[in-house]
């Protein structure tokens, strides 16, 4: 039986370890820079295997050799995960870390293929790592958790673990100063104009009036060209707006920088947790204004109805694979405070049916209902029709699938993609019958401006995007 090796040492701020390891192959950081929902972070690099899929074409690269397959990618992923399966342990073990694109949903459900796939990103991109670094923000320590996945000589494997541990110990405990880096933007645009957006919202409302759907999560993509050092940009984003489910993933071809506050799905043993999020208001400039915005959100029947609608959808999805009668909503509507916004969330829990695992759960619930609309399948069909480009990474999930059977995935919102000199930042919101098209457009403007203000640019400069 493969055994875990755990080396524990004093806490070091993860941003300092990030600066040490960021240039390694396929570096990934599942980052909890706001510890209100998750009190740990994970890092990994130099995977022993890469799993990528695009539609039904699958690539598995190991030891410098690539093998190509055709088939249902999640079925192949399940078989691969079984090869490295270990008995249930505490939550953390080495495993597969990376992302699942929104468009993977087309491999789970039968959906039309209409929009343009201009980014051409893999639907699944996972590194299989034999070592993960766990930052325990609560206990204030770091654990290097490793597993001799490939059956190498035990002495050699232990030597690799000790070397990485020694590197971490050499990092200065002094607080590192943030480097001042300028971000150059030469051009900025949107894949949907103002007039196109207003027309699309009206079309969505006609679907609602006809009884096709109750809600559609509609998005547009802001695009910029310029110079954006990925590491400096990510450190700035997490400082400006810390969240519980942020992340950084450098594939070598592109980087995903996520500032997400939303948990999609968590599996620990047979216990399943989801935390759908709906309803947003800005934070106020003072306590009085802050309280006014919080009250507005909590008293909003529209926002309340949207959240309850998504809770019902998530419960239905979880019910496909959870033990009958085990699903419960522990908190129907909770107000959460972030540096720039208020959000409302619901906490849903269930117990997975015996004999089912990570991939079974993923097939049942992916993509998250909070970023599609309801009913889910019809909402996804309409999204495919009215959004001009494939969503790719946006509203997919990034996270962790452990060899011990546990997993945790976020929702990739407030997330940007860096690819060469191009930056992509999709923004969206839920459209319901009561939605006012101009107000919905302005909400996307506000969300987009927040990113560029973090880059140091005045929002007025981008009033036309």
Protein backbone atom coordinates (compact mmCIF):
# COMPACT_ATOMS: atom_id res chain seq x y z
CA UNK A 1 0.00 0.00 0.00
CA UNK A 2 1.25 3.48 -0.87
CA UNK A 3 1.92 5.47 2.28
CA UNK A 4 1.88 9.20 2.89
CA UNK A 5 4.97 11.01 4.13
CA UNK A 6 4.31 14.20 6.11
CA UNK A 7 6.94 16.75 7.14
CA UNK A 8 5.71 19.60 9.36
CA UNK A 9 7.48 22.90 9.98
CA UNK A 10 6.67 26.45 11.13
CA UNK A 11 4.32 28.65 9.12
CA UNK A 12 5.68 30.79 6.29
CA UNK A 13 3.44 33.26 4.44
CA UNK A 14 2.34 31.47 1.25
CA UNK A 15 3.16 34.48 -0.96
CA UNK A 16 6.82 33.99 -0.03
CA UNK A 17 6.70 30.32 -1.00
CA UNK A 18 4.92 31.40 -4.20
CA UNK A 19 7.95 33.54 -5.11
CA UNK A 20 10.23 30.53 -4.52
CA UNK A 21 8.25 27.99 -6.55
CA UNK A 22 6.30 29.98 -9.17
CA UNK A 23 8.73 29.24 -12.03
CA UNK A 24 8.46 25.48 -11.64
CA UNK A 25 6.52 23.44 -14.20
CA UNK A 26 2.74 23.64 -13.88
CA UNK A 27 2.82 25.50 -10.61
CA UNK A 28 -0.61 25.74 -8.96
CA UNK A 29 -1.77 27.55 -5.84
CA UNK A 30 -5.23 26.97 -4.36
CA UNK A 31 -5.25 30.07 -2.24
CA UNK A 32 -7.35 30.99 0.78
CA UNK A 33 -6.30 34.59 1.30
CA UNK A 34 -9.53 35.20 3.24
CA UNK A 35 -9.98 32.50 5.87
CA UNK A 36 -13.71 32.89 6.53
CA UNK A 37 -14.67 29.73 4.62
CA UNK A 38 -11.43 27.76 4.30
CA UNK A 39 -8.50 27.79 6.69
CA UNK A 40 -5.90 26.19 4.44
CA UNK A 41 -4.14 26.71 1.11
CA UNK A 42 -2.43 24.21 -1.21
CA UNK A 43 0.54 24.49 -3.58
CA UNK A 44 2.05 21.97 -5.98
CA UNK A 45 4.45 21.92 -8.92
CA UNK A 46 6.31 19.56 -11.28
CA UNK A 47 3.54 16.99 -11.87
CA UNK A 48 4.54 13.45 -12.82
CA UNK A 49 1.60 13.25 -15.26
CA UNK A 50 -0.54 15.68 -17.27
CA UNK A 51 -4.14 14.94 -18.22
CA UNK A 52 -5.76 17.12 -20.89
CA UNK A 53 -8.91 16.71 -22.93
CA UNK A 54 -10.71 18.61 -25.65
CA UNK A 55 -14.15 17.23 -26.44
CA UNK A 56 -13.49 13.49 -26.83
CA UNK A 57 -9.76 13.78 -27.57
CA UNK A 58 -7.61 12.98 -24.55
CA UNK A 59 -3.89 13.42 -23.95
CA UNK A 60 -1.96 11.76 -21.11
CA UNK A 61 1.71 12.78 -20.85
CA UNK A 62 4.04 10.92 -18.49
CA UNK A 63 7.84 10.50 -18.45
CA UNK A 64 8.13 12.63 -21.59
CA UNK A 65 5.81 10.34 -23.54
CA UNK A 66 2.33 11.35 -24.74
CA UNK A 67 -0.49 8.90 -25.26
CA UNK A 68 -3.61 9.93 -27.16
CA UNK A 69 -7.09 8.49 -26.62
CA UNK A 70 -10.65 9.08 -27.72
CA UNK A 71 -13.63 8.67 -25.44
CA UNK A 72 -15.63 10.22 -22.64
CA UNK A 73 -12.92 12.21 -20.78
CA UNK A 74 -14.47 11.86 -17.33
CA UNK A 75 -14.60 8.07 -17.71
CA UNK A 76 -10.91 8.01 -18.64
CA UNK A 77 -10.14 10.34 -15.74
CA UNK A 78 -11.95 8.00 -13.37
CA UNK A 79 -9.88 5.03 -14.55
CA UNK A 80 -6.67 7.02 -14.16
CA UNK A 81 -7.53 8.20 -10.65
CA UNK A 82 -8.23 4.58 -9.67
CA UNK A 83 -4.65 3.65 -10.59
CA UNK A 84 -3.36 5.90 -7.81
CA UNK A 85 -6.17 5.40 -5.32
CA UNK A 86 -5.23 5.11 -1.65
CA UNK A 87 -7.54 4.33 1.29
CA UNK A 88 -9.45 7.25 2.83
CA UNK A 89 -7.23 9.46 4.96
CA UNK A 90 -7.46 12.92 6.43
CA UNK A 91 -8.62 15.51 3.89
CA UNK A 92 -5.27 16.03 2.19
CA UNK A 93 -3.23 13.69 0.03
CA UNK A 94 -1.40 14.16 -3.26
CA UNK A 95 -3.66 14.11 -6.27
CA UNK A 96 -4.82 15.88 -9.42
CA UNK A 97 -4.99 19.69 -9.37
CA UNK A 98 -6.12 21.98 -12.19
CA UNK A 99 -9.33 23.09 -13.86
CA UNK A 100 -12.49 21.89 -15.59
CA UNK A 101 -13.85 24.30 -18.22
CA UNK A 102 -17.50 25.30 -18.41
CA UNK A 103 -17.63 23.70 -21.86
CA UNK A 104 -16.96 20.28 -20.33
CA UNK A 105 -20.71 20.41 -19.66
CA UNK A 106 -21.20 19.58 -23.34
CA UNK A 107 -19.51 16.22 -22.66
CA UNK A 108 -21.95 15.51 -19.84
CA UNK A 109 -25.18 16.75 -21.43
CA UNK A 110 -26.27 16.87 -25.07
CA UNK A 111 -26.13 20.55 -25.99
CA UNK A 112 -25.95 22.57 -29.21
CA UNK A 113 -22.54 23.74 -30.48
CA UNK A 114 -23.10 27.28 -31.78
CA UNK A 115 -20.71 29.80 -30.22
CA UNK A 116 -17.12 30.39 -31.38
CA UNK A 117 -14.29 28.61 -29.60
CA UNK A 118 -11.68 31.33 -30.14
CA UNK A 119 -9.59 30.57 -27.01
CA UNK A 120 -9.27 26.86 -27.88
CA UNK A 121 -8.42 25.83 -24.31
CA UNK A 122 -8.54 22.24 -23.03
CA UNK A 123 -11.85 21.27 -21.41
CA UNK A 124 -9.90 19.51 -18.65
CA UNK A 125 -6.33 20.37 -17.62
CA UNK A 126 -4.99 18.50 -14.59
CA UNK A 127 -1.51 17.92 -13.22
CA UNK A 128 -1.01 14.77 -11.15
CA UNK A 129 1.29 15.67 -8.26
CA UNK A 130 3.09 13.38 -5.82
CA UNK A 131 3.76 16.24 -3.38
CA UNK A 132 1.49 19.02 -2.11
CA UNK A 133 2.33 21.82 0.31
CA UNK A 134 -0.45 22.47 2.82
CA UNK A 135 -0.60 25.85 4.57
CA UNK A 136 -2.68 25.46 7.71
CA UNK A 137 -3.80 29.02 8.50
CA UNK A 138 -5.57 27.92 11.67
CA UNK A 139 -2.77 25.89 13.27
CA UNK A 140 -0.07 28.13 11.78
CA UNK A 141 2.11 25.43 10.29
CA UNK A 142 3.06 23.99 6.92
CA UNK A 143 2.92 20.33 5.96
CA UNK A 144 4.72 18.82 3.01
CA UNK A 145 2.55 15.81 2.12
CA UNK A 146 4.06 13.36 -0.34
CA UNK A 147 3.47 9.89 -1.70
CA UNK A 148 5.74 7.55 -3.63
CA UNK A 149 3.28 7.34 -6.51
CA UNK A 150 5.59 5.84 -9.11
CA UNK A 151 7.25 3.23 -6.93
CA UNK A 152 10.70 4.84 -7.07
CA UNK A 153 13.34 3.83 -4.55
CA UNK A 154 12.20 4.99 -1.13
CA UNK A 155 15.52 6.66 -0.31
CA UNK A 156 15.45 8.73 -3.50
CA UNK A 157 11.87 9.79 -2.88
CA UNK A 158 12.53 10.77 0.72
CA UNK A 159 15.55 12.76 -0.47
CA UNK A 160 13.34 14.77 -2.85
CA UNK A 161 10.92 15.50 -0.02
CA UNK A 162 13.70 16.61 2.32
CA UNK A 163 15.23 18.87 -0.33
CA UNK A 164 11.96 20.70 -0.88
CA UNK A 165 11.41 21.00 2.86
CA UNK A 166 14.93 22.44 3.23
CA UNK A 167 14.19 25.02 0.52
CA UNK A 168 11.07 26.14 2.35
CA UNK A 169 12.93 26.47 5.64
CA UNK A 170 15.50 28.79 4.08
CA UNK A 171 12.89 31.42 3.18
CA UNK A 172 13.22 34.55 5.28
CA UNK A 173 10.39 35.01 7.76
CA UNK A 174 10.60 38.76 7.33
CA UNK A 175 7.59 40.30 5.61
CA UNK A 176 8.34 40.76 1.94
CA UNK A 177 7.58 44.13 0.38
CA UNK A 178 5.28 44.15 -2.61
CA UNK A 179 7.16 45.17 -5.74
CA UNK A 180 5.72 48.15 -7.55
CA UNK A 181 5.01 46.91 -11.05
CA UNK A 182 3.25 48.85 -13.78
CA UNK A 183 0.72 47.11 -16.00
CA UNK A 184 0.55 48.43 -19.54
CA UNK A 185 -2.77 48.31 -21.39
CA UNK A 186 -2.62 49.18 -25.08
CA UNK A 187 -6.16 48.22 -26.08
CA UNK A 188 -9.39 47.25 -24.37
CA UNK A 189 -12.65 45.92 -25.82
CA UNK A 190 -15.68 43.70 -25.19
CA UNK A 191 -16.97 40.76 -27.20
CA UNK A 192 -20.51 42.16 -26.78
CA UNK A 193 -21.38 45.82 -27.40
CA UNK A 194 -23.86 47.80 -25.32
CA UNK A 195 -26.60 47.47 -27.97
CA UNK A 196 -25.97 43.73 -28.37
CA UNK A 197 -26.11 43.28 -24.60
CA UNK A 198 -29.43 45.12 -24.24
CA UNK A 199 -30.90 43.12 -27.14
CA UNK A 200 -29.74 39.85 -25.56
CA UNK A 201 -31.26 40.67 -22.16
CA UNK A 202 -34.58 41.46 -23.84
CA UNK A 203 -34.37 38.12 -25.67
CA UNK A 204 -33.71 36.32 -22.37
CA UNK A 205 -36.77 38.00 -20.86
CA UNK A 206 -38.84 36.75 -23.79
CA UNK A 207 -37.69 33.20 -22.96
CA UNK A 208 -38.72 33.78 -19.35
CA UNK A 209 -42.11 35.13 -20.43
CA UNK A 210 -42.63 32.03 -22.59
CA UNK A 211 -41.93 29.78 -19.59
CA UNK A 212 -38.69 28.29 -20.98
CA UNK A 213 -36.57 29.39 -18.00
CA UNK A 214 -36.78 31.29 -14.73
CA UNK A 215 -33.30 32.74 -14.85
CA UNK A 216 -30.26 32.93 -17.14
CA UNK A 217 -26.74 33.80 -16.08
CA UNK A 218 -25.60 35.96 -19.00
CA UNK A 219 -22.00 37.11 -19.43
CA UNK A 220 -19.76 39.10 -21.71
CA UNK A 221 -15.98 39.07 -21.99
CA UNK A 222 -13.70 42.05 -21.50
CA UNK A 223 -10.46 41.74 -23.43
CA UNK A 224 -7.24 43.74 -23.13
CA UNK A 225 -3.84 43.76 -24.79
CA UNK A 226 -0.71 44.84 -22.99
CA UNK A 227 1.95 43.73 -20.54
CA UNK A 228 0.73 41.88 -17.44
CA UNK A 229 3.32 40.02 -15.28
CA UNK A 230 1.14 37.16 -14.03
CA UNK A 231 2.81 36.71 -10.65
CA UNK A 232 2.73 40.40 -9.71
CA UNK A 233 -0.83 40.80 -10.96
CA UNK A 234 -2.04 37.86 -8.90
CA UNK A 235 -0.37 39.09 -5.71
CA UNK A 236 -1.99 42.47 -6.23
CA UNK A 237 -5.45 41.01 -6.85
CA UNK A 238 -5.38 38.86 -3.70
CA UNK A 239 -4.24 41.87 -1.69
CA UNK A 240 -6.92 44.21 -3.06
CA UNK A 241 -9.74 41.69 -2.67
CA UNK A 242 -8.89 38.62 -0.55
CA UNK A 243 -11.29 35.67 -1.01
CA UNK A 244 -11.54 32.09 0.24
CA UNK A 245 -11.36 30.21 -3.07
CA UNK A 246 -8.75 32.10 -5.11
CA UNK A 247 -6.18 30.35 -7.25
CA UNK A 248 -3.21 30.64 -9.63
CA UNK A 249 -2.38 28.04 -12.30
CA UNK A 250 0.49 28.43 -14.78
CA UNK A 251 0.36 25.84 -17.57
CA UNK A 252 3.27 27.33 -19.49
CA UNK A 253 0.95 28.30 -22.37
CA UNK A 254 -1.43 30.43 -20.30
CA UNK A 255 -2.13 31.44 -16.72
CA UNK A 256 -5.44 31.39 -14.83
CA UNK A 257 -5.73 33.93 -12.02
CA UNK A 258 -8.86 33.42 -9.94
CA UNK A 259 -10.21 35.76 -7.28
CA UNK A 260 -13.26 33.58 -6.64
CA UNK A 261 -15.29 33.72 -3.41
CA UNK A 262 -17.49 30.74 -4.31
CA UNK A 263 -17.19 27.07 -3.35
CA UNK A 264 -18.75 24.81 -5.96
CA UNK A 265 -18.49 21.34 -4.44
CA UNK A 266 -16.51 19.68 -1.65
CA UNK A 267 -16.28 15.95 -0.91
CA UNK A 268 -14.75 14.72 2.33
CA UNK A 269 -15.30 11.02 2.72
CA UNK A 270 -18.98 10.57 1.84
CA UNK A 271 -20.01 14.09 3.00
CA UNK A 272 -20.81 16.59 0.23
CA UNK A 273 -20.96 20.37 0.63
CA UNK A 274 -21.98 23.14 -1.79
CA UNK A 275 -22.11 26.88 -1.20
CA UNK A 276 -24.09 28.59 -4.01
CA UNK A 277 -23.83 32.37 -4.14
CA UNK A 278 -26.38 34.85 -5.50
CA UNK A 279 -26.97 38.51 -4.75
CA UNK A 280 -24.40 41.29 -4.69
CA UNK A 281 -24.15 44.83 -3.33
CA UNK A 282 -21.09 47.09 -3.08
CA UNK A 283 -19.49 47.93 0.25
CA UNK A 284 -20.18 51.46 1.49
CA UNK A 285 -17.73 54.31 1.98
CA UNK A 286 -18.69 54.52 5.66
CA UNK A 287 -20.56 52.43 8.25
CA UNK A 288 -23.92 54.07 7.56
CA UNK A 289 -23.66 53.46 3.81
CA UNK A 290 -22.34 49.94 4.46
CA UNK A 291 -25.38 49.08 6.57
CA UNK A 292 -27.71 50.53 3.94
CA UNK A 293 -26.26 48.33 1.18
CA UNK A 294 -26.35 45.23 3.40
CA UNK A 295 -30.01 45.90 4.27
CA UNK A 296 -30.86 46.46 0.60
CA UNK A 297 -29.46 43.05 -0.27
CA UNK A 298 -31.16 41.19 2.57
CA UNK A 299 -34.52 42.88 1.89
CA UNK A 300 -34.38 42.34 -1.88
CA UNK A 301 -37.08 39.85 -2.89
CA UNK A 302 -35.46 39.54 -6.34
CA UNK A 303 -32.08 38.50 -4.92
CA UNK A 304 -33.74 36.19 -2.40
CA UNK A 305 -35.77 34.49 -5.13
CA UNK A 306 -32.66 34.02 -7.31
CA UNK A 307 -30.75 32.35 -4.49
CA UNK A 308 -33.61 30.04 -3.50
CA UNK A 309 -34.05 29.08 -7.15
CA UNK A 310 -30.40 28.05 -7.39
CA UNK A 311 -30.56 26.21 -4.06
CA UNK A 312 -33.40 24.09 -5.45
CA UNK A 313 -31.37 23.40 -8.60
CA UNK A 314 -28.26 22.39 -6.61
CA UNK A 315 -30.32 20.14 -4.32
CA UNK A 316 -31.77 18.44 -7.38
CA UNK A 317 -28.30 17.87 -8.89
CA UNK A 318 -26.89 16.53 -5.62
CA UNK A 319 -29.95 14.30 -5.28
CA UNK A 320 -28.84 12.31 -8.34
CA UNK A 321 -25.91 10.85 -6.37
CA UNK A 322 -26.68 11.47 -2.68
CA UNK A 323 -28.40 9.10 -0.28
CA UNK A 324 -32.16 9.65 -0.22
CA UNK A 325 -33.20 12.03 2.56
CA UNK A 326 -29.62 13.12 3.36
CA UNK A 327 -29.65 16.51 1.60
CA UNK A 328 -30.32 19.49 3.84
CA UNK A 329 -29.96 23.26 3.62
CA UNK A 330 -28.18 24.37 6.78
CA UNK A 331 -28.26 28.09 6.05
CA UNK A 332 -30.79 29.29 3.49
CA UNK A 333 -29.44 32.84 3.20
CA UNK A 334 -26.25 34.09 4.82
CA UNK A 335 -24.73 37.56 4.35
CA UNK A 336 -21.00 37.46 3.62
CA UNK A 337 -18.72 40.49 3.74
CA UNK A 338 -15.80 41.00 1.37
CA UNK A 339 -13.55 43.99 0.95
CA UNK A 340 -15.47 45.37 -2.02
CA UNK A 341 -18.90 43.66 -1.93
CA UNK A 342 -21.60 41.96 0.12
CA UNK A 343 -22.82 38.53 -1.10
CA UNK A 344 -25.53 36.15 0.03
CA UNK A 345 -24.93 32.40 0.10
CA UNK A 346 -26.66 29.17 1.08
CA UNK A 347 -25.02 26.10 2.63
CA UNK A 348 -26.16 22.72 1.29
CA UNK A 349 -24.97 19.34 2.58
CA UNK A 350 -25.61 15.73 1.61
CA UNK A 351 -24.24 12.20 1.93
CA UNK A 352 -22.91 10.49 -1.21
CA UNK A 353 -24.46 7.13 -2.04
CA UNK A 354 -22.16 4.23 -1.14
CA UNK A 355 -20.04 3.04 -4.05
CA UNK A 356 -20.00 6.40 -5.86
CA UNK A 357 -16.96 8.66 -6.08
CA UNK A 358 -15.47 11.92 -7.31
CA UNK A 359 -16.27 11.56 -11.01
CA UNK A 360 -19.83 10.35 -10.35
CA UNK A 361 -20.39 13.48 -8.28
CA UNK A 362 -18.82 15.70 -10.91
CA UNK A 363 -21.05 14.27 -13.65
CA UNK A 364 -24.14 14.94 -11.53
CA UNK A 365 -23.50 18.55 -10.59
CA UNK A 366 -21.19 20.10 -13.22
CA UNK A 367 -21.31 22.95 -14.15
CA UNK A 368 -22.62 24.79 -11.09
CA UNK A 369 -26.21 25.97 -11.28
CA UNK A 370 -25.37 29.40 -9.87
CA UNK A 371 -23.64 30.29 -13.16
CA UNK A 372 -26.10 28.75 -15.62
CA UNK A 373 -29.65 29.52 -14.57
CA UNK A 374 -32.73 27.38 -14.09
CA UNK A 375 -33.75 24.92 -15.36
CA UNK A 376 -30.09 24.14 -15.97
CA UNK A 377 -30.11 22.32 -19.33
CA UNK A 378 -32.45 24.80 -21.03
CA UNK A 379 -30.45 27.67 -19.54
CA UNK A 380 -27.22 26.24 -20.98
CA UNK A 381 -28.87 25.87 -24.40
CA UNK A 382 -29.86 29.54 -24.34
CA UNK A 383 -26.39 30.62 -23.15
CA UNK A 384 -24.87 28.74 -26.08
CA UNK A 385 -27.20 30.63 -28.42
CA UNK A 386 -26.81 34.19 -27.09
CA UNK A 387 -23.17 34.36 -25.95
CA UNK A 388 -20.92 34.73 -29.03
CA UNK A 389 -17.87 32.93 -27.61
CA UNK A 390 -17.32 29.71 -25.66
CA UNK A 391 -16.87 30.43 -21.98
CA UNK A 392 -13.84 28.10 -21.71
CA UNK A 393 -12.34 28.58 -18.22
CA UNK A 394 -14.97 31.09 -17.09
CA UNK A 395 -17.64 29.61 -14.76
CA UNK A 396 -15.85 26.28 -14.86
CA UNK A 397 -14.04 25.06 -11.74
CA UNK A 398 -10.51 24.94 -10.39
CA UNK A 399 -9.37 22.79 -7.51
CA UNK A 400 -8.25 19.45 -6.15
CA UNK A 401 -9.06 15.75 -6.55
CA UNK A 402 -7.13 13.71 -3.99
CA UNK A 403 -5.96 10.15 -4.49
CA UNK A 404 -7.75 9.47 -1.17
CA UNK A 405 -11.15 10.19 -2.76
CA UNK A 406 -11.68 13.71 -1.40
CA UNK A 407 -12.07 16.77 -3.59
CA UNK A 408 -12.82 20.47 -3.58
CA UNK A 409 -13.63 22.76 -6.53
CA UNK A 410 -14.42 26.45 -6.74
CA UNK A 411 -16.52 28.34 -9.30
CA UNK A 412 -14.28 30.26 -11.70
CA UNK A 413 -15.88 33.70 -11.38
CA UNK A 414 -13.90 36.91 -10.93
CA UNK A 415 -11.23 35.08 -12.86
CA UNK A 416 -8.95 36.22 -15.64
CA UNK A 417 -6.92 34.43 -18.26
CA UNK A 418 -3.48 35.63 -19.38
CA UNK A 419 -2.33 34.33 -22.74
CA UNK A 420 0.68 36.12 -24.20
CA UNK A 421 -0.12 39.83 -24.39
CA UNK A 422 -3.85 39.17 -24.04
CA UNK A 423 -5.96 39.39 -20.90
CA UNK A 424 -9.51 38.00 -20.82
CA UNK A 425 -11.91 38.86 -18.01
CA UNK A 426 -15.54 37.71 -18.38
CA UNK A 427 -18.25 39.31 -16.24
CA UNK A 428 -21.90 38.40 -15.87
CA UNK A 429 -24.99 38.27 -13.74
CA UNK A 430 -28.33 36.56 -13.31
CA UNK A 431 -31.15 37.81 -15.57
CA UNK A 432 -34.73 37.35 -14.31
CA UNK A 433 -38.09 38.79 -15.33
CA UNK A 434 -37.60 41.85 -13.11
CA UNK A 435 -34.18 42.66 -14.57
CA UNK A 436 -33.71 46.12 -16.09
CA UNK A 437 -31.37 45.79 -19.12
CA UNK A 438 -29.46 49.03 -18.53
CA UNK A 439 -28.92 48.20 -14.87
CA UNK A 440 -27.68 44.73 -15.72
CA UNK A 441 -25.21 46.20 -18.23
CA UNK A 442 -24.00 48.70 -15.66
CA UNK A 443 -23.43 45.87 -13.18
CA UNK A 444 -21.07 44.18 -15.65
CA UNK A 445 -19.31 47.53 -16.20
CA UNK A 446 -18.83 47.90 -12.46
CA UNK A 447 -17.45 44.38 -12.08
CA UNK A 448 -15.00 44.93 -14.95
CA UNK A 449 -13.87 48.33 -13.74
CA UNK A 450 -12.96 46.83 -10.37
CA UNK A 451 -10.25 44.76 -12.07
CA UNK A 452 -8.77 47.66 -14.00
CA UNK A 453 -8.82 49.90 -10.96
CA UNK A 454 -6.75 47.21 -9.23
CA UNK A 455 -4.32 47.56 -12.12
CA UNK A 456 -4.03 51.27 -11.33
CA UNK A 457 -6.14 52.62 -14.19
CA UNK A 458 -8.93 55.15 -13.81
CA UNK A 459 -12.32 53.63 -14.61
CA UNK A 460 -13.35 56.57 -16.82
CA UNK A 461 -10.73 55.51 -19.34
CA UNK A 462 -12.78 52.39 -20.10
CA UNK A 463 -16.26 53.87 -20.14
CA UNK A 464 -16.88 52.55 -23.66
CA UNK A 465 -16.10 48.85 -23.25
